[in-house]
């Protein structure tokens, strides 16, 4: 039986931290590197790909993630609007 492999196109994550931007502080370099990898979602993607997930489960998780993202953005807009209204008074 021949198996199929679906490779989804994804952007390359080029995460690098220089000692110049952290002024030679190694602890700061490590923290900045971890922050950048978290922002690029590199570690999360590796954990997701560790085990196979059925497409239906993957879709369900993606929908839940999108819903959380929408709610978060909606709350941000709402809070910003409230702040603007407070300043006008």
PDB file of N, CA and C in Angstrom:
ATOM      1  N   UNK A   1       0.834  -1.186   0.000  1.00  0.00           N
ATOM      2  CA  UNK A   1       0.000   0.000   0.000  1.00  0.00           C
ATOM      3  C   UNK A   1       0.875   1.245   0.000  1.00  0.00           C
ATOM      4  N   UNK A   2       0.556   2.150  -0.884  1.00  0.00           N
ATOM      5  CA  UNK A   2       1.307   3.397  -0.950  1.00  0.00           C
ATOM      6  C   UNK A   2       0.664   4.456  -0.084  1.00  0.00           C
ATOM      7  N   UNK A   3       1.447   5.117   0.720  1.00  0.00           N
ATOM      8  CA  UNK A   3       0.914   6.170   1.578  1.00  0.00           C
ATOM      9  C   UNK A   3       1.125   7.533   0.946  1.00  0.00           C
ATOM     10  N   UNK A   4       0.247   8.419   1.238  1.00  0.00           N
ATOM     11  CA  UNK A   4       0.356   9.775   0.734  1.00  0.00           C
ATOM     12  C   UNK A   4       0.821  10.684   1.846  1.00  0.00           C
ATOM     13  N   UNK A   5       1.609  11.638   1.466  1.00  0.00           N
ATOM     14  CA  UNK A   5       2.092  12.607   2.435  1.00  0.00           C
ATOM     15  C   UNK A   5       1.686  13.992   1.964  1.00  0.00           C
ATOM     16  N   UNK A   6       0.997  14.702   2.802  1.00  0.00           N
ATOM     17  CA  UNK A   6       0.567  16.050   2.454  1.00  0.00           C
ATOM     18  C   UNK A   6       1.511  17.018   3.144  1.00  0.00           C
ATOM     19  N   UNK A   7       2.182  17.796   2.349  1.00  0.00           N
ATOM     20  CA  UNK A   7       3.102  18.788   2.887  1.00  0.00           C
ATOM     21  C   UNK A   7       2.480  20.150   2.648  1.00  0.00           C
ATOM     22  N   UNK A   8       2.191  20.817   3.748  1.00  0.00           N
ATOM     23  CA  UNK A   8       1.575  22.132   3.632  1.00  0.00           C
ATOM     24  C   UNK A   8       2.666  23.181   3.531  1.00  0.00           C
ATOM     25  N   UNK A   9       2.500  24.127   2.627  1.00  0.00           N
ATOM     26  CA  UNK A   9       3.512  25.179   2.522  1.00  0.00           C
ATOM     27  C   UNK A   9       3.484  26.047   3.771  1.00  0.00           C
ATOM     28  N   UNK A  10       4.648  26.318   4.290  1.00  0.00           N
ATOM     29  CA  UNK A  10       4.730  27.167   5.469  1.00  0.00           C
ATOM     30  C   UNK A  10       5.939  28.062   5.340  1.00  0.00           C
ATOM     31  N   UNK A  11       5.865  29.164   6.014  1.00  0.00           N
ATOM     32  CA  UNK A  11       6.973  30.107   5.931  1.00  0.00           C
ATOM     33  C   UNK A  11       8.154  29.592   6.738  1.00  0.00           C
ATOM     34  N   UNK A  12       9.318  29.947   6.298  1.00  0.00           N
ATOM     35  CA  UNK A  12      10.514  29.567   7.034  1.00  0.00           C
ATOM     36  C   UNK A  12      10.677  30.509   8.206  1.00  0.00           C
ATOM     37  N   UNK A  13      10.966  29.942   9.329  1.00  0.00           N
ATOM     38  CA  UNK A  13      11.178  30.750  10.524  1.00  0.00           C
ATOM     39  C   UNK A  13      12.673  30.967  10.693  1.00  0.00           C
ATOM     40  N   UNK A  14      13.077  32.183  10.538  1.00  0.00           N
ATOM     41  CA  UNK A  14      14.484  32.522  10.693  1.00  0.00           C
ATOM     42  C   UNK A  14      14.627  33.325  11.983  1.00  0.00           C
ATOM     43  N   UNK A  15      14.854  32.611  13.065  1.00  0.00           N
ATOM     44  CA  UNK A  15      14.945  33.258  14.372  1.00  0.00           C
ATOM     45  C   UNK A  15      16.410  33.325  14.770  1.00  0.00           C
ATOM     46  N   UNK A  16      16.879  34.543  14.946  1.00  0.00           N
ATOM     47  CA  UNK A  16      18.252  34.688  15.428  1.00  0.00           C
ATOM     48  C   UNK A  16      18.324  35.888  16.355  1.00  0.00           C
ATOM     49  N   UNK A  17      19.201  35.768  17.313  1.00  0.00           N
ATOM     50  CA  UNK A  17      19.399  36.827  18.295  1.00  0.00           C
ATOM     51  C   UNK A  17      20.885  37.123  18.330  1.00  0.00           C
ATOM     52  N   UNK A  18      21.230  38.376  18.183  1.00  0.00           N
ATOM     53  CA  UNK A  18      22.639  38.749  18.205  1.00  0.00           C
ATOM     54  C   UNK A  18      23.008  39.304  19.573  1.00  0.00           C
ATOM     55  N   UNK A  19      24.275  39.202  19.892  1.00  0.00           N
ATOM     56  CA  UNK A  19      24.718  39.717  21.191  1.00  0.00           C
ATOM     57  C   UNK A  19      24.673  41.242  21.189  1.00  0.00           C
ATOM     58  N   UNK A  20      24.722  41.834  20.002  1.00  0.00           N
ATOM     59  CA  UNK A  20      24.683  43.288  19.904  1.00  0.00           C
ATOM     60  C   UNK A  20      23.318  43.830  20.354  1.00  0.00           C
ATOM     61  N   UNK A  21      22.229  43.165  19.928  1.00  0.00           N
ATOM     62  CA  UNK A  21      20.900  43.660  20.293  1.00  0.00           C
ATOM     63  C   UNK A  21      20.590  43.420  21.773  1.00  0.00           C
ATOM     64  N   UNK A  22      21.343  42.516  22.409  1.00  0.00           N
ATOM     65  CA  UNK A  22      21.139  42.252  23.840  1.00  0.00           C
ATOM     66  C   UNK A  22      22.285  42.801  24.677  1.00  0.00           C
ATOM     67  N   UNK A  23      23.140  43.569  24.056  1.00  0.00           N
ATOM     68  CA  UNK A  23      24.281  44.191  24.723  1.00  0.00           C
ATOM     69  C   UNK A  23      25.159  43.182  25.454  1.00  0.00           C
ATOM     70  N   UNK A  24      25.326  41.986  24.857  1.00  0.00           N
ATOM     71  CA  UNK A  24      26.217  40.980  25.422  1.00  0.00           C
ATOM     72  C   UNK A  24      25.662  40.218  26.608  1.00  0.00           C
ATOM     73  N   UNK A  25      24.445  40.502  27.009  1.00  0.00           N
ATOM     74  CA  UNK A  25      23.844  39.829  28.159  1.00  0.00           C
ATOM     75  C   UNK A  25      23.266  38.489  27.698  1.00  0.00           C
ATOM     76  N   UNK A  26      23.882  37.385  28.131  1.00  0.00           N
ATOM     77  CA  UNK A  26      23.451  36.066  27.651  1.00  0.00           C
ATOM     78  C   UNK A  26      22.058  35.688  28.149  1.00  0.00           C
ATOM     79  N   UNK A  27      21.720  36.075  29.369  1.00  0.00           N
ATOM     80  CA  UNK A  27      20.378  35.763  29.897  1.00  0.00           C
ATOM     81  C   UNK A  27      19.312  36.454  29.063  1.00  0.00           C
ATOM     82  N   UNK A  28      19.583  37.706  28.705  1.00  0.00           N
ATOM     83  CA  UNK A  28      18.639  38.461  27.882  1.00  0.00           C
ATOM     84  C   UNK A  28      18.521  37.824  26.493  1.00  0.00           C
ATOM     85  N   UNK A  29      19.665  37.323  25.976  1.00  0.00           N
ATOM     86  CA  UNK A  29      19.646  36.665  24.658  1.00  0.00           C
ATOM     87  C   UNK A  29      18.754  35.431  24.688  1.00  0.00           C
ATOM     88  N   UNK A  30      18.870  34.634  25.736  1.00  0.00           N
ATOM     89  CA  UNK A  30      18.052  33.422  25.853  1.00  0.00           C
ATOM     90  C   UNK A  30      16.574  33.779  25.933  1.00  0.00           C
ATOM     91  N   UNK A  31      16.259  34.774  26.768  1.00  0.00           N
ATOM     92  CA  UNK A  31      14.848  35.188  26.908  1.00  0.00           C
ATOM     93  C   UNK A  31      14.297  35.698  25.586  1.00  0.00           C
ATOM     94  N   UNK A  32      15.085  36.501  24.880  1.00  0.00           N
ATOM     95  CA  UNK A  32      14.641  37.056  23.599  1.00  0.00           C
ATOM     96  C   UNK A  32      14.456  35.946  22.564  1.00  0.00           C
ATOM     97  N   UNK A  33      15.379  34.964  22.563  1.00  0.00           N
ATOM     98  CA  UNK A  33      15.252  33.839  21.636  1.00  0.00           C
ATOM     99  C   UNK A  33      13.979  33.052  21.916  1.00  0.00           C
ATOM    100  N   UNK A  34      13.703  32.764  23.191  1.00  0.00           N
ATOM    101  CA  UNK A  34      12.492  32.026  23.544  1.00  0.00           C
ATOM    102  C   UNK A  34      11.244  32.806  23.155  1.00  0.00           C
ATOM    103  N   UNK A  35      11.279  34.108  23.354  1.00  0.00           N
ATOM    104  CA  UNK A  35      10.130  34.943  22.997  1.00  0.00           C
ATOM    105  C   UNK A  35       9.894  34.909  21.482  1.00  0.00           C
ATOM    106  N   UNK A  36      10.982  34.976  20.708  1.00  0.00           N
ATOM    107  CA  UNK A  36      10.834  34.956  19.249  1.00  0.00           C
ATOM    108  C   UNK A  36      10.323  33.610  18.758  1.00  0.00           C
ATOM    109  N   UNK A  37      10.826  32.520  19.330  1.00  0.00           N
ATOM    110  CA  UNK A  37      10.342  31.202  18.906  1.00  0.00           C
ATOM    111  C   UNK A  37       8.883  31.014  19.294  1.00  0.00           C
ATOM    112  N   UNK A  38       8.481  31.560  20.427  1.00  0.00           N
ATOM    113  CA  UNK A  38       7.079  31.465  20.837  1.00  0.00           C
ATOM    114  C   UNK A  38       6.194  32.255  19.878  1.00  0.00           C
ATOM    115  N   UNK A  39       6.677  33.423  19.469  1.00  0.00           N
ATOM    116  CA  UNK A  39       5.919  34.265  18.553  1.00  0.00           C
ATOM    117  C   UNK A  39       5.756  33.584  17.190  1.00  0.00           C
ATOM    118  N   UNK A  40       6.792  32.907  16.742  1.00  0.00           N
ATOM    119  CA  UNK A  40       6.737  32.194  15.459  1.00  0.00           C
ATOM    120  C   UNK A  40       6.019  30.852  15.579  1.00  0.00           C
ATOM    121  N   UNK A  41       5.694  30.446  16.808  1.00  0.00           N
ATOM    122  CA  UNK A  41       4.974  29.209  17.101  1.00  0.00           C
ATOM    123  C   UNK A  41       5.752  27.971  16.635  1.00  0.00           C
ATOM    124  N   UNK A  42       7.049  28.005  16.783  1.00  0.00           N
ATOM    125  CA  UNK A  42       7.900  26.900  16.351  1.00  0.00           C
ATOM    126  C   UNK A  42       7.734  25.703  17.281  1.00  0.00           C
ATOM    127  N   UNK A  43       7.836  25.937  18.578  1.00  0.00           N
ATOM    128  CA  UNK A  43       7.756  24.846  19.556  1.00  0.00           C
ATOM    129  C   UNK A  43       6.372  24.212  19.514  1.00  0.00           C
ATOM    130  N   UNK A  44       5.341  25.049  19.406  1.00  0.00           N
ATOM    131  CA  UNK A  44       3.967  24.541  19.361  1.00  0.00           C
ATOM    132  C   UNK A  44       3.756  23.638  18.141  1.00  0.00           C
ATOM    133  N   UNK A  45       4.322  24.034  17.020  1.00  0.00           N
ATOM    134  CA  UNK A  45       4.175  23.235  15.803  1.00  0.00           C
ATOM    135  C   UNK A  45       4.889  21.888  15.935  1.00  0.00           C
ATOM    136  N   UNK A  46       6.039  21.888  16.564  1.00  0.00           N
ATOM    137  CA  UNK A  46       6.775  20.636  16.762  1.00  0.00           C
ATOM    138  C   UNK A  46       5.969  19.694  17.645  1.00  0.00           C
ATOM    139  N   UNK A  47       5.386  20.241  18.720  1.00  0.00           N
ATOM    140  CA  UNK A  47       4.570  19.416  19.608  1.00  0.00           C
ATOM    141  C   UNK A  47       3.340  18.881  18.882  1.00  0.00           C
ATOM    142  N   UNK A  48       2.731  19.703  18.028  1.00  0.00           N
ATOM    143  CA  UNK A  48       1.554  19.265  17.272  1.00  0.00           C
ATOM    144  C   UNK A  48       1.901  18.144  16.305  1.00  0.00           C
ATOM    145  N   UNK A  49       3.069  18.205  15.700  1.00  0.00           N
ATOM    146  CA  UNK A  49       3.453  17.211  14.690  1.00  0.00           C
ATOM    147  C   UNK A  49       4.034  15.931  15.301  1.00  0.00           C
ATOM    148  N   UNK A  50       4.193  15.905  16.599  1.00  0.00           N
ATOM    149  CA  UNK A  50       4.793  14.745  17.252  1.00  0.00           C
ATOM    150  C   UNK A  50       3.938  13.493  17.065  1.00  0.00           C
ATOM    151  N   UNK A  51       2.611  13.657  17.133  1.00  0.00           N
ATOM    152  CA  UNK A  51       1.692  12.534  16.983  1.00  0.00           C
ATOM    153  C   UNK A  51       0.694  12.844  15.881  1.00  0.00           C
ATOM    154  N   UNK A  52       0.235  11.802  15.214  1.00  0.00           N
ATOM    155  CA  UNK A  52      -0.747  11.976  14.148  1.00  0.00           C
ATOM    156  C   UNK A  52      -2.096  12.364  14.731  1.00  0.00           C
ATOM    157  N   UNK A  53      -2.756  13.299  14.066  1.00  0.00           N
ATOM    158  CA  UNK A  53      -4.113  13.682  14.452  1.00  0.00           C
ATOM    159  C   UNK A  53      -5.012  13.486  13.240  1.00  0.00           C
ATOM    160  N   UNK A  54      -6.173  12.929  13.513  1.00  0.00           N
ATOM    161  CA  UNK A  54      -7.132  12.757  12.430  1.00  0.00           C
ATOM    162  C   UNK A  54      -7.523  14.137  11.905  1.00  0.00           C
ATOM    163  N   UNK A  55      -7.804  14.227  10.611  1.00  0.00           N
ATOM    164  CA  UNK A  55      -8.185  15.524  10.042  1.00  0.00           C
ATOM    165  C   UNK A  55      -9.393  16.147  10.733  1.00  0.00           C
ATOM    166  N   UNK A  56     -10.359  15.320  11.143  1.00  0.00           N
ATOM    167  CA  UNK A  56     -11.547  15.877  11.806  1.00  0.00           C
ATOM    168  C   UNK A  56     -11.178  16.519  13.143  1.00  0.00           C
ATOM    169  N   UNK A  57     -10.257  15.903  13.879  1.00  0.00           N
ATOM    170  CA  UNK A  57      -9.819  16.463  15.157  1.00  0.00           C
ATOM    171  C   UNK A  57      -9.026  17.741  14.926  1.00  0.00           C
ATOM    172  N   UNK A  58      -8.179  17.724  13.905  1.00  0.00           N
ATOM    173  CA  UNK A  58      -7.384  18.909  13.577  1.00  0.00           C
ATOM    174  C   UNK A  58      -8.299  20.084  13.219  1.00  0.00           C
ATOM    175  N   UNK A  59      -9.338  19.806  12.422  1.00  0.00           N
ATOM    176  CA  UNK A  59     -10.282  20.865  12.038  1.00  0.00           C
ATOM    177  C   UNK A  59     -11.012  21.402  13.259  1.00  0.00           C
ATOM    178  N   UNK A  60     -11.418  20.495  14.148  1.00  0.00           N
ATOM    179  CA  UNK A  60     -12.132  20.904  15.360  1.00  0.00           C
ATOM    180  C   UNK A  60     -11.252  21.822  16.209  1.00  0.00           C
ATOM    181  N   UNK A  61      -9.988  21.443  16.371  1.00  0.00           N
ATOM    182  CA  UNK A  61      -9.070  22.262  17.154  1.00  0.00           C
ATOM    183  C   UNK A  61      -8.818  23.608  16.486  1.00  0.00           C
ATOM    184  N   UNK A  62      -8.700  23.602  15.158  1.00  0.00           N
ATOM    185  CA  UNK A  62      -8.486  24.854  14.436  1.00  0.00           C
ATOM    186  C   UNK A  62      -9.675  25.789  14.587  1.00  0.00           C
ATOM    187  N   UNK A  63     -10.890  25.224  14.537  1.00  0.00           N
ATOM    188  CA  UNK A  63     -12.080  26.052  14.714  1.00  0.00           C
ATOM    189  C   UNK A  63     -12.124  26.659  16.115  1.00  0.00           C
ATOM    190  N   UNK A  64     -11.788  25.857  17.123  1.00  0.00           N
ATOM    191  CA  UNK A  64     -11.784  26.345  18.501  1.00  0.00           C
ATOM    192  C   UNK A  64     -10.724  27.442  18.669  1.00  0.00           C
ATOM    193  N   UNK A  65      -9.555  27.240  18.055  1.00  0.00           N
ATOM    194  CA  UNK A  65      -8.483  28.224  18.136  1.00  0.00           C
ATOM    195  C   UNK A  65      -8.897  29.538  17.477  1.00  0.00           C
ATOM    196  N   UNK A  66      -9.565  29.424  16.323  1.00  0.00           N
ATOM    197  CA  UNK A  66     -10.022  30.615  15.609  1.00  0.00           C
ATOM    198  C   UNK A  66     -11.082  31.359  16.424  1.00  0.00           C
ATOM    199  N   UNK A  67     -11.957  30.615  17.060  1.00  0.00           N
ATOM    200  CA  UNK A  67     -13.003  31.231  17.885  1.00  0.00           C
ATOM    201  C   UNK A  67     -12.382  31.987  19.064  1.00  0.00           C
ATOM    202  N   UNK A  68     -11.388  31.375  19.721  1.00  0.00           N
ATOM    203  CA  UNK A  68     -10.703  32.058  20.825  1.00  0.00           C
ATOM    204  C   UNK A  68     -10.025  33.332  20.331  1.00  0.00           C
ATOM    205  N   UNK A  69      -9.390  33.244  19.156  1.00  0.00           N
ATOM    206  CA  UNK A  69      -8.709  34.399  18.586  1.00  0.00           C
ATOM    207  C   UNK A  69      -9.708  35.529  18.283  1.00  0.00           C
ATOM    208  N   UNK A  70     -10.867  35.157  17.699  1.00  0.00           N
ATOM    209  CA  UNK A  70     -11.898  36.163  17.399  1.00  0.00           C
ATOM    210  C   UNK A  70     -12.399  36.834  18.673  1.00  0.00           C
ATOM    211  N   UNK A  71     -12.662  36.026  19.698  1.00  0.00           N
ATOM    212  CA  UNK A  71     -13.138  36.593  20.970  1.00  0.00           C
ATOM    213  C   UNK A  71     -12.116  37.540  21.570  1.00  0.00           C
ATOM    214  N   UNK A  72     -10.856  37.133  21.531  1.00  0.00           N
ATOM    215  CA  UNK A  72      -9.787  37.957  22.091  1.00  0.00           C
ATOM    216  C   UNK A  72      -9.702  39.295  21.358  1.00  0.00           C
ATOM    217  N   UNK A  73      -9.769  39.246  20.016  1.00  0.00           N
ATOM    218  CA  UNK A  73      -9.712  40.474  19.224  1.00  0.00           C
ATOM    219  C   UNK A  73     -10.920  41.356  19.510  1.00  0.00           C
ATOM    220  N   UNK A  74     -12.078  40.742  19.664  1.00  0.00           N
ATOM    221  CA  UNK A  74     -13.293  41.494  19.963  1.00  0.00           C
ATOM    222  C   UNK A  74     -13.174  42.198  21.321  1.00  0.00           C
ATOM    223  N   UNK A  75     -12.645  41.478  22.316  1.00  0.00           N
ATOM    224  CA  UNK A  75     -12.450  42.086  23.631  1.00  0.00           C
ATOM    225  C   UNK A  75     -11.451  43.238  23.574  1.00  0.00           C
ATOM    226  N   UNK A  76     -10.385  43.074  22.776  1.00  0.00           N
ATOM    227  CA  UNK A  76      -9.400  44.140  22.633  1.00  0.00           C
ATOM    228  C   UNK A  76     -10.047  45.398  22.065  1.00  0.00           C
ATOM    229  N   UNK A  77     -10.856  45.206  21.015  1.00  0.00           N
ATOM    230  CA  UNK A  77     -11.526  46.349  20.396  1.00  0.00           C
ATOM    231  C   UNK A  77     -12.483  47.016  21.374  1.00  0.00           C
ATOM    232  N   UNK A  78     -13.194  46.193  22.131  1.00  0.00           N
ATOM    233  CA  UNK A  78     -14.153  46.708  23.098  1.00  0.00           C
ATOM    234  C   UNK A  78     -13.443  47.515  24.187  1.00  0.00           C
ATOM    235  N   UNK A  79     -12.339  47.005  24.698  1.00  0.00           N
ATOM    236  CA  UNK A  79     -11.587  47.719  25.731  1.00  0.00           C
ATOM    237  C   UNK A  79     -11.014  49.022  25.198  1.00  0.00           C
ATOM    238  N   UNK A  80     -10.519  48.985  23.958  1.00  0.00           N
ATOM    239  CA  UNK A  80      -9.971  50.196  23.354  1.00  0.00           C
ATOM    240  C   UNK A  80     -11.069  51.247  23.204  1.00  0.00           C
ATOM    241  N   UNK A  81     -12.250  50.825  22.796  1.00  0.00           N
ATOM    242  CA  UNK A  81     -13.382  51.738  22.656  1.00  0.00           C
ATOM    243  C   UNK A  81     -13.750  52.342  24.004  1.00  0.00           C
ATOM    244  N   UNK A  82     -13.765  51.514  25.062  1.00  0.00           N
ATOM    245  CA  UNK A  82     -14.076  52.015  26.396  1.00  0.00           C
ATOM    246  C   UNK A  82     -13.039  53.025  26.856  1.00  0.00           C
ATOM    247  N   UNK A  83     -11.754  52.766  26.558  1.00  0.00           N
ATOM    248  CA  UNK A  83     -10.696  53.709  26.938  1.00  0.00           C
ATOM    249  C   UNK A  83     -10.882  55.047  26.217  1.00  0.00           C
ATOM    250  N   UNK A  84     -11.227  54.968  24.917  1.00  0.00           N
ATOM    251  CA  UNK A  84     -11.450  56.187  24.160  1.00  0.00           C
ATOM    252  C   UNK A  84     -12.624  56.969  24.718  1.00  0.00           C
ATOM    253  N   UNK A  85     -13.677  56.268  25.113  1.00  0.00           N
ATOM    254  CA  UNK A  85     -14.846  56.941  25.666  1.00  0.00           C
ATOM    255  C   UNK A  85     -14.534  57.597  27.009  1.00  0.00           C
ATOM    256  N   UNK A  86     -13.688  56.962  27.807  1.00  0.00           N
ATOM    257  CA  UNK A  86     -13.310  57.527  29.104  1.00  0.00           C
ATOM    258  C   UNK A  86     -12.533  58.823  28.928  1.00  0.00           C
ATOM    259  N   UNK A  87     -11.663  58.861  27.927  1.00  0.00           N
ATOM    260  CA  UNK A  87     -10.835  60.049  27.698  1.00  0.00           C
ATOM    261  C   UNK A  87     -11.680  61.234  27.241  1.00  0.00           C
ATOM    262  N   UNK A  88     -12.767  60.978  26.535  1.00  0.00           N
ATOM    263  CA  UNK A  88     -13.614  62.058  26.018  1.00  0.00           C
ATOM    264  C   UNK A  88     -14.392  62.758  27.116  1.00  0.00           C
ATOM    265  N   UNK A  89     -14.651  62.083  28.205  1.00  0.00           N
ATOM    266  CA  UNK A  89     -15.486  62.677  29.265  1.00  0.00           C
ATOM    267  C   UNK A  89     -14.807  63.776  29.995  1.00  0.00           C
TER     268      UNK A  89
END
